[in-house]
Amino acid sequence: MVKFIELKVSDEVEQKTELVNIASIGRIYADPQSTSRSIVELNYQSVNDTPVYLEVDMPYEKLRLTLLS
């Protein structure tokens, strides 16, 4: 069964909601510049072979608990 999670993602210009397959999430990190944000690394790479990261507007512990449940 495929599970998805809605993540509020911010970039320099706008904030949007992304639907992400939980199986494609690699690692998550606490954002060193903000306690209310996290960084999600996805298991796939972009066209130029660089890792794909999302800046998520959710505290690290809350995101971690959401993914564990």
C-alpha atoms as a PDB file:
ATOM      1  CA  MET A   1       0.000   0.000   0.000  1.00  0.00           C
ATOM      2  CA  VAL A   2       1.367   3.405  -0.975  1.00  0.00           C
ATOM      3  CA  LYS A   3       1.132   6.121   1.685  1.00  0.00           C
ATOM      4  CA  PHE A   4       1.458   9.841   1.104  1.00  0.00           C
ATOM      5  CA  ILE A   5       1.972  12.801   3.401  1.00  0.00           C
ATOM      6  CA  GLU A   6       1.125  16.456   2.785  1.00  0.00           C
ATOM      7  CA  LEU A   7       4.066  18.710   3.598  1.00  0.00           C
ATOM      8  CA  LYS A   8       4.020  22.513   3.648  1.00  0.00           C
ATOM      9  CA  VAL A   9       7.111  23.470   1.683  1.00  0.00           C
ATOM     10  CA  SER A  10       8.660  26.935   1.502  1.00  0.00           C
ATOM     11  CA  ASP A  11      11.052  28.338  -1.018  1.00  0.00           C
ATOM     12  CA  GLU A  12      12.369  31.854  -1.423  1.00  0.00           C
ATOM     13  CA  VAL A  13       9.219  33.066  -3.176  1.00  0.00           C
ATOM     14  CA  GLU A  14       6.194  31.095  -1.992  1.00  0.00           C
ATOM     15  CA  GLN A  15       4.781  28.476   0.350  1.00  0.00           C
ATOM     16  CA  LYS A  16       2.919  25.492  -1.095  1.00  0.00           C
ATOM     17  CA  THR A  17       1.688  22.056  -0.070  1.00  0.00           C
ATOM     18  CA  GLU A  18       3.452  19.069  -1.611  1.00  0.00           C
ATOM     19  CA  LEU A  19       2.077  15.544  -1.653  1.00  0.00           C
ATOM     20  CA  VAL A  20       5.059  13.241  -1.004  1.00  0.00           C
ATOM     21  CA  ASN A  21       5.212   9.456  -1.151  1.00  0.00           C
ATOM     22  CA  ILE A  22       6.478   8.321   2.255  1.00  0.00           C
ATOM     23  CA  ALA A  23       8.584   5.616   0.593  1.00  0.00           C
ATOM     24  CA  SER A  24      10.549   8.318  -1.263  1.00  0.00           C
ATOM     25  CA  ILE A  25      11.643  10.065   1.959  1.00  0.00           C
ATOM     26  CA  GLY A  26      15.243   9.291   2.821  1.00  0.00           C
ATOM     27  CA  ARG A  27      16.382  11.295   5.833  1.00  0.00           C
ATOM     28  CA  ILE A  28      14.965  14.193   7.792  1.00  0.00           C
ATOM     29  CA  TYR A  29      16.962  16.849   9.604  1.00  0.00           C
ATOM     30  CA  ALA A  30      16.201  19.639  12.018  1.00  0.00           C
ATOM     31  CA  ASP A  31      16.765  22.990  10.289  1.00  0.00           C
ATOM     32  CA  PRO A  32      19.806  24.554  11.995  1.00  0.00           C
ATOM     33  CA  GLN A  33      18.415  28.064  11.418  1.00  0.00           C
ATOM     34  CA  SER A  34      14.866  27.513  12.693  1.00  0.00           C
ATOM     35  CA  THR A  35      13.240  25.289  15.310  1.00  0.00           C
ATOM     36  CA  SER A  36       9.911  25.430  13.469  1.00  0.00           C
ATOM     37  CA  ARG A  37      11.260  23.939  10.216  1.00  0.00           C
ATOM     38  CA  SER A  38      12.754  20.672   9.015  1.00  0.00           C
ATOM     39  CA  ILE A  39      14.682  19.503   5.978  1.00  0.00           C
ATOM     40  CA  VAL A  40      13.526  16.377   4.138  1.00  0.00           C
ATOM     41  CA  GLU A  41      15.914  14.537   1.811  1.00  0.00           C
ATOM     42  CA  LEU A  42      14.213  12.481  -0.886  1.00  0.00           C
ATOM     43  CA  ASN A  43      15.513   9.139  -2.182  1.00  0.00           C
ATOM     44  CA  TYR A  44      15.785  10.292  -5.771  1.00  0.00           C
ATOM     45  CA  GLN A  45      18.048  12.779  -7.500  1.00  0.00           C
ATOM     46  CA  SER A  46      17.418  15.716  -9.771  1.00  0.00           C
ATOM     47  CA  VAL A  47      18.382  15.832 -13.440  1.00  0.00           C
ATOM     48  CA  ASN A  48      21.904  17.023 -12.625  1.00  0.00           C
ATOM     49  CA  ASP A  49      22.464  14.179 -10.075  1.00  0.00           C
ATOM     50  CA  THR A  50      22.131  16.309  -6.967  1.00  0.00           C
ATOM     51  CA  PRO A  51      20.012  15.202  -3.994  1.00  0.00           C
ATOM     52  CA  VAL A  52      16.530  16.687  -3.683  1.00  0.00           C
ATOM     53  CA  TYR A  53      15.763  18.495  -0.418  1.00  0.00           C
ATOM     54  CA  LEU A  54      12.527  20.072   0.753  1.00  0.00           C
ATOM     55  CA  GLU A  55      12.353  22.783   3.415  1.00  0.00           C
ATOM     56  CA  VAL A  56       9.262  21.839   5.400  1.00  0.00           C
ATOM     57  CA  ASP A  57       7.337  24.158   7.723  1.00  0.00           C
ATOM     58  CA  MET A  58       7.038  21.621  10.550  1.00  0.00           C
ATOM     59  CA  PRO A  59       9.216  21.133  13.635  1.00  0.00           C
ATOM     60  CA  TYR A  60      11.580  18.158  13.412  1.00  0.00           C
ATOM     61  CA  GLU A  61      10.081  16.177  16.311  1.00  0.00           C
ATOM     62  CA  LYS A  62       6.516  16.574  15.028  1.00  0.00           C
ATOM     63  CA  LEU A  63       7.544  15.493  11.516  1.00  0.00           C
ATOM     64  CA  ARG A  64       9.464  12.524  12.901  1.00  0.00           C
ATOM     65  CA  LEU A  65       6.500  11.370  15.002  1.00  0.00           C
ATOM     66  CA  THR A  66       4.157  11.788  12.030  1.00  0.00           C
ATOM     67  CA  LEU A  67       6.355   9.593   9.855  1.00  0.00           C
ATOM     68  CA  LEU A  68       6.712   6.932  12.571  1.00  0.00           C
ATOM     69  CA  SER A  69       2.955   6.549  13.033  1.00  0.00           C
END
